[in-house]
Amino acid sequence: MPHLILECSDKIASNINFNSLFIHLHQYLADNLPTQITSCKSRVRIYDNYFIGDEFEKNLFMHLTLKILPGRSAKIKNRICEYIHHHLKGLVMNNDLEKTSISIELLELSAFYFK
């Protein structure tokens, strides 16, 4: 059931292979959340108009919102966010995108989530 919503600047999108990123993250969540890998749903929102700090054209961003069903401990949620943050940092460094602001938000879905 986890939903991964990745928002990023257009330059990130042109340098990152989202298929391999989401395959990796889906497997990680299946093993560590745990969840069924077939329940993972990911999507990307790419922005060509954005402003970060005062160097508009040099700064990039990547924000991942992870939505999960309630019931996981704070320890598990923290470990998952730390792992994903570390993985995204490695991804931007390996693609020479050092001026990228990376953030992650983990949200629990409400009782009114239906599928």
N, C-alpha and C. Protein backbone atom coordinates (compact mmCIF):
# COMPACT_ATOMS: atom_id res chain seq x y z
N MET A 1 0.78 -1.19 0.00
CA MET A 1 0.00 0.00 0.00
C MET A 1 0.82 1.26 0.00
N PRO A 2 2.07 1.25 0.35
CA PRO A 2 2.78 2.52 0.41
C PRO A 2 2.69 3.29 -0.89
N HIS A 3 2.52 4.61 -0.73
CA HIS A 3 2.56 5.53 -1.87
C HIS A 3 3.84 6.34 -1.75
N LEU A 4 4.61 6.39 -2.81
CA LEU A 4 5.81 7.21 -2.88
C LEU A 4 5.56 8.28 -3.92
N ILE A 5 5.59 9.54 -3.49
CA ILE A 5 5.36 10.65 -4.39
C ILE A 5 6.63 11.48 -4.39
N LEU A 6 7.33 11.43 -5.49
CA LEU A 6 8.59 12.14 -5.62
C LEU A 6 8.36 13.42 -6.41
N GLU A 7 8.66 14.55 -5.80
CA GLU A 7 8.61 15.84 -6.47
C GLU A 7 10.04 16.29 -6.67
N CYS A 8 10.35 16.80 -7.87
CA CYS A 8 11.74 17.19 -8.12
C CYS A 8 11.82 18.24 -9.22
N SER A 9 12.97 18.90 -9.25
CA SER A 9 13.25 19.87 -10.31
C SER A 9 13.51 19.14 -11.62
N ASP A 10 13.26 19.83 -12.70
CA ASP A 10 13.38 19.22 -14.02
C ASP A 10 14.78 18.70 -14.31
N LYS A 11 15.81 19.37 -13.80
CA LYS A 11 17.17 18.89 -14.04
C LYS A 11 17.41 17.55 -13.34
N ILE A 12 16.81 17.34 -12.20
CA ILE A 12 16.91 16.05 -11.51
C ILE A 12 16.27 14.98 -12.41
N ALA A 13 15.08 15.29 -12.91
CA ALA A 13 14.34 14.33 -13.72
C ALA A 13 15.10 13.91 -14.97
N SER A 14 15.87 14.81 -15.54
CA SER A 14 16.60 14.47 -16.76
C SER A 14 17.88 13.68 -16.47
N ASN A 15 18.24 13.52 -15.20
CA ASN A 15 19.48 12.83 -14.85
C ASN A 15 19.29 11.55 -14.03
N ILE A 16 18.09 11.29 -13.57
CA ILE A 16 17.83 10.16 -12.68
C ILE A 16 16.98 9.11 -13.40
N ASN A 17 17.31 7.86 -13.20
CA ASN A 17 16.51 6.75 -13.72
C ASN A 17 15.48 6.39 -12.66
N PHE A 18 14.25 6.86 -12.85
CA PHE A 18 13.21 6.64 -11.84
C PHE A 18 12.81 5.18 -11.74
N ASN A 19 12.85 4.44 -12.84
CA ASN A 19 12.49 3.03 -12.78
C ASN A 19 13.38 2.27 -11.80
N SER A 20 14.68 2.44 -11.92
CA SER A 20 15.58 1.71 -11.02
C SER A 20 15.46 2.23 -9.59
N LEU A 21 15.22 3.54 -9.43
CA LEU A 21 15.03 4.09 -8.08
C LEU A 21 13.83 3.45 -7.41
N PHE A 22 12.69 3.42 -8.10
CA PHE A 22 11.48 2.89 -7.48
C PHE A 22 11.53 1.37 -7.32
N ILE A 23 12.16 0.67 -8.22
CA ILE A 23 12.34 -0.78 -8.03
C ILE A 23 13.10 -1.03 -6.74
N HIS A 24 14.17 -0.26 -6.53
CA HIS A 24 14.98 -0.41 -5.32
C HIS A 24 14.16 -0.06 -4.07
N LEU A 25 13.47 1.08 -4.09
CA LEU A 25 12.71 1.49 -2.92
C LEU A 25 11.53 0.57 -2.63
N HIS A 26 10.87 0.08 -3.66
CA HIS A 26 9.76 -0.86 -3.44
C HIS A 26 10.28 -2.12 -2.74
N GLN A 27 11.41 -2.63 -3.19
CA GLN A 27 11.97 -3.83 -2.56
C GLN A 27 12.38 -3.55 -1.12
N TYR A 28 12.98 -2.39 -0.89
CA TYR A 28 13.37 -2.03 0.47
C TYR A 28 12.15 -1.97 1.39
N LEU A 29 11.09 -1.33 0.93
CA LEU A 29 9.89 -1.23 1.75
C LEU A 29 9.24 -2.58 1.97
N ALA A 30 9.22 -3.41 0.95
CA ALA A 30 8.66 -4.75 1.10
C ALA A 30 9.41 -5.53 2.18
N ASP A 31 10.71 -5.37 2.21
CA ASP A 31 11.53 -6.10 3.18
C ASP A 31 11.52 -5.49 4.57
N ASN A 32 11.37 -4.16 4.67
CA ASN A 32 11.61 -3.49 5.94
C ASN A 32 10.39 -2.82 6.56
N LEU A 33 9.33 -2.57 5.81
CA LEU A 33 8.16 -1.93 6.40
C LEU A 33 7.41 -2.88 7.31
N PRO A 34 7.17 -4.06 7.07
CA PRO A 34 7.10 -4.75 5.78
C PRO A 34 5.75 -4.51 5.10
N THR A 35 5.75 -4.83 3.80
CA THR A 35 4.54 -4.73 3.00
C THR A 35 4.69 -5.64 1.79
N GLN A 36 3.65 -5.80 1.05
CA GLN A 36 3.71 -6.56 -0.20
C GLN A 36 4.25 -5.64 -1.28
N ILE A 37 5.22 -6.10 -2.02
CA ILE A 37 5.80 -5.26 -3.07
C ILE A 37 4.74 -4.88 -4.12
N THR A 38 3.76 -5.73 -4.32
CA THR A 38 2.70 -5.44 -5.29
C THR A 38 1.78 -4.31 -4.82
N SER A 39 1.90 -3.93 -3.56
CA SER A 39 1.08 -2.83 -3.02
C SER A 39 1.74 -1.47 -3.16
N CYS A 40 3.00 -1.43 -3.51
CA CYS A 40 3.74 -0.17 -3.61
C CYS A 40 3.33 0.58 -4.88
N LYS A 41 3.07 1.87 -4.72
CA LYS A 41 2.67 2.72 -5.85
C LYS A 41 3.54 3.97 -5.82
N SER A 42 4.19 4.27 -6.93
CA SER A 42 5.08 5.43 -6.99
C SER A 42 4.75 6.30 -8.18
N ARG A 43 5.03 7.58 -8.00
CA ARG A 43 4.83 8.53 -9.09
C ARG A 43 5.76 9.72 -8.89
N VAL A 44 5.98 10.44 -9.98
CA VAL A 44 6.91 11.56 -9.98
C VAL A 44 6.18 12.81 -10.47
N ARG A 45 6.43 13.91 -9.80
CA ARG A 45 5.96 15.22 -10.23
C ARG A 45 7.20 16.06 -10.53
N ILE A 46 7.30 16.53 -11.76
CA ILE A 46 8.49 17.27 -12.19
C ILE A 46 8.11 18.74 -12.34
N TYR A 47 8.96 19.60 -11.78
CA TYR A 47 8.70 21.04 -11.80
C TYR A 47 9.77 21.76 -12.61
N ASP A 48 9.33 22.65 -13.48
CA ASP A 48 10.28 23.48 -14.20
C ASP A 48 10.26 24.91 -13.67
N ASN A 49 9.32 25.23 -12.80
CA ASN A 49 9.27 26.53 -12.12
C ASN A 49 9.33 26.28 -10.62
N TYR A 50 10.42 26.70 -10.01
CA TYR A 50 10.61 26.52 -8.57
C TYR A 50 11.68 27.50 -8.11
N PHE A 51 11.67 27.82 -6.84
CA PHE A 51 12.64 28.76 -6.29
C PHE A 51 13.15 28.21 -4.97
N ILE A 52 14.47 28.18 -4.81
CA ILE A 52 15.10 27.70 -3.59
C ILE A 52 16.16 28.71 -3.20
N GLY A 53 16.03 29.27 -2.01
CA GLY A 53 17.03 30.21 -1.55
C GLY A 53 17.10 31.43 -2.45
N ASP A 54 18.33 31.89 -2.72
CA ASP A 54 18.50 33.09 -3.54
C ASP A 54 19.29 32.84 -4.82
N GLU A 55 19.61 31.59 -5.10
CA GLU A 55 20.28 31.24 -6.35
C GLU A 55 19.33 30.36 -7.16
N PHE A 56 18.32 31.00 -7.73
CA PHE A 56 17.22 30.27 -8.34
C PHE A 56 17.65 29.25 -9.38
N GLU A 57 18.60 29.58 -10.20
CA GLU A 57 18.94 28.70 -11.31
C GLU A 57 19.95 27.64 -10.96
N LYS A 58 20.62 27.76 -9.82
CA LYS A 58 21.66 26.80 -9.45
C LYS A 58 21.15 25.71 -8.51
N ASN A 59 20.15 26.03 -7.70
CA ASN A 59 19.68 25.07 -6.70
C ASN A 59 18.63 24.13 -7.28
N LEU A 60 18.68 22.90 -6.81
CA LEU A 60 17.74 21.85 -7.23
C LEU A 60 17.06 21.29 -6.00
N PHE A 61 15.97 20.56 -6.20
CA PHE A 61 15.32 19.93 -5.06
C PHE A 61 14.76 18.56 -5.42
N MET A 62 14.63 17.76 -4.37
CA MET A 62 14.02 16.44 -4.47
C MET A 62 13.29 16.23 -3.14
N HIS A 63 11.98 16.06 -3.21
CA HIS A 63 11.18 15.83 -2.00
C HIS A 63 10.37 14.57 -2.20
N LEU A 64 10.50 13.63 -1.27
CA LEU A 64 9.76 12.37 -1.34
C LEU A 64 8.75 12.33 -0.21
N THR A 65 7.50 12.17 -0.56
CA THR A 65 6.45 11.95 0.43
C THR A 65 6.14 10.46 0.41
N LEU A 66 6.21 9.84 1.56
CA LEU A 66 5.93 8.41 1.71
C LEU A 66 4.68 8.28 2.57
N LYS A 67 3.63 7.71 2.01
CA LYS A 67 2.38 7.52 2.74
C LYS A 67 2.21 6.03 3.04
N ILE A 68 2.00 5.73 4.31
CA ILE A 68 1.85 4.34 4.74
C ILE A 68 0.63 4.20 5.65
N LEU A 69 0.19 2.96 5.81
CA LEU A 69 -0.88 2.69 6.76
C LEU A 69 -0.35 2.86 8.17
N PRO A 70 -1.20 3.27 9.12
CA PRO A 70 -0.73 3.46 10.49
C PRO A 70 -0.37 2.13 11.15
N GLY A 71 0.38 2.24 12.25
CA GLY A 71 0.68 1.06 13.04
C GLY A 71 2.15 0.72 13.15
N ARG A 72 3.01 1.36 12.39
CA ARG A 72 4.45 1.10 12.47
C ARG A 72 5.04 1.92 13.61
N SER A 73 6.04 1.37 14.25
CA SER A 73 6.68 2.07 15.36
C SER A 73 7.48 3.26 14.85
N ALA A 74 7.76 4.19 15.75
CA ALA A 74 8.58 5.35 15.41
C ALA A 74 9.97 4.90 14.99
N LYS A 75 10.47 3.86 15.59
CA LYS A 75 11.81 3.34 15.26
C LYS A 75 11.86 2.87 13.81
N ILE A 76 10.85 2.12 13.39
CA ILE A 76 10.80 1.63 12.00
C ILE A 76 10.66 2.81 11.03
N LYS A 77 9.78 3.75 11.33
CA LYS A 77 9.57 4.90 10.44
C LYS A 77 10.84 5.73 10.32
N ASN A 78 11.52 5.94 11.44
CA ASN A 78 12.77 6.71 11.41
C ASN A 78 13.84 6.00 10.59
N ARG A 79 13.97 4.69 10.78
CA ARG A 79 14.97 3.91 10.03
C ARG A 79 14.69 3.97 8.53
N ILE A 80 13.43 3.87 8.15
CA ILE A 80 13.07 3.92 6.74
C ILE A 80 13.39 5.29 6.14
N CYS A 81 13.05 6.36 6.85
CA CYS A 81 13.34 7.71 6.35
C CYS A 81 14.84 7.95 6.24
N GLU A 82 15.60 7.50 7.23
CA GLU A 82 17.05 7.67 7.18
C GLU A 82 17.65 6.91 6.00
N TYR A 83 17.18 5.69 5.77
CA TYR A 83 17.69 4.90 4.65
C TYR A 83 17.38 5.57 3.32
N ILE A 84 16.13 6.00 3.14
CA ILE A 84 15.73 6.62 1.88
C ILE A 84 16.51 7.92 1.67
N HIS A 85 16.67 8.71 2.71
CA HIS A 85 17.43 9.95 2.60
C HIS A 85 18.87 9.66 2.17
N HIS A 86 19.49 8.68 2.80
CA HIS A 86 20.86 8.30 2.46
C HIS A 86 20.93 7.82 1.00
N HIS A 87 19.95 7.04 0.57
CA HIS A 87 19.94 6.53 -0.80
C HIS A 87 19.78 7.68 -1.81
N LEU A 88 18.89 8.61 -1.53
CA LEU A 88 18.70 9.75 -2.43
C LEU A 88 19.94 10.63 -2.48
N LYS A 89 20.60 10.82 -1.33
CA LYS A 89 21.84 11.59 -1.31
C LYS A 89 22.89 10.95 -2.22
N GLY A 90 23.05 9.62 -2.13
CA GLY A 90 23.99 8.92 -2.99
C GLY A 90 23.63 9.06 -4.46
N LEU A 91 22.35 9.03 -4.75
CA LEU A 91 21.88 9.15 -6.13
C LEU A 91 22.24 10.52 -6.71
N VAL A 92 22.02 11.59 -5.96
CA VAL A 92 22.34 12.91 -6.50
C VAL A 92 23.85 13.12 -6.58
N MET A 93 24.60 12.58 -5.65
CA MET A 93 26.06 12.72 -5.69
C MET A 93 26.62 11.97 -6.90
N ASN A 94 26.12 10.77 -7.16
CA ASN A 94 26.59 9.97 -8.29
C ASN A 94 26.24 10.57 -9.64
N ASN A 95 25.29 11.51 -9.65
CA ASN A 95 24.88 12.15 -10.90
C ASN A 95 25.31 13.61 -10.96
N ASP A 96 26.30 13.98 -10.15
CA ASP A 96 26.84 15.35 -10.13
C ASP A 96 25.77 16.42 -9.95
N LEU A 97 24.87 16.17 -9.01
CA LEU A 97 23.78 17.10 -8.71
C LEU A 97 23.91 17.59 -7.26
N GLU A 98 25.13 18.03 -6.89
CA GLU A 98 25.45 18.34 -5.51
C GLU A 98 24.59 19.43 -4.88
N LYS A 99 24.12 20.38 -5.64
CA LYS A 99 23.33 21.49 -5.09
C LYS A 99 21.85 21.12 -4.98
N THR A 100 21.58 19.89 -4.58
CA THR A 100 20.21 19.42 -4.48
C THR A 100 19.77 19.39 -3.02
N SER A 101 18.67 20.02 -2.74
CA SER A 101 18.05 19.97 -1.42
C SER A 101 17.17 18.72 -1.39
N ILE A 102 17.41 17.84 -0.42
CA ILE A 102 16.67 16.58 -0.33
C ILE A 102 15.85 16.60 0.95
N SER A 103 14.57 16.26 0.83
CA SER A 103 13.72 16.15 2.01
C SER A 103 12.77 14.97 1.85
N ILE A 104 12.36 14.44 3.00
CA ILE A 104 11.44 13.30 3.02
C ILE A 104 10.39 13.57 4.08
N GLU A 105 9.15 13.23 3.76
CA GLU A 105 8.07 13.33 4.73
C GLU A 105 7.32 12.01 4.74
N LEU A 106 7.21 11.41 5.90
CA LEU A 106 6.47 10.17 6.04
C LEU A 106 5.13 10.50 6.69
N LEU A 107 4.06 10.13 6.04
CA LEU A 107 2.71 10.39 6.54
C LEU A 107 1.96 9.08 6.71
N GLU A 108 1.13 9.04 7.74
CA GLU A 108 0.25 7.89 7.91
C GLU A 108 -1.10 8.24 7.31
N LEU A 109 -1.64 7.32 6.55
CA LEU A 109 -2.94 7.53 5.93
C LEU A 109 -4.04 7.51 6.99
N SER A 110 -5.10 8.23 6.73
CA SER A 110 -6.20 8.31 7.68
C SER A 110 -7.06 7.05 7.61
N ALA A 111 -7.98 6.96 8.53
CA ALA A 111 -8.92 5.84 8.55
C ALA A 111 -9.85 5.88 7.35
N PHE A 112 -9.85 6.99 6.62
CA PHE A 112 -10.71 7.14 5.47
C PHE A 112 -10.02 6.81 4.16
N TYR A 113 -8.90 6.11 4.21
CA TYR A 113 -8.21 5.66 3.00
C TYR A 113 -8.91 4.39 2.51
N PHE A 114 -9.28 4.38 1.25
CA PHE A 114 -9.95 3.22 0.67
C PHE A 114 -9.23 2.83 -0.62
N LYS A 115 -9.18 1.55 -0.87
CA LYS A 115 -8.62 1.11 -2.14
C LYS A 115 -9.44 0.01 -2.73
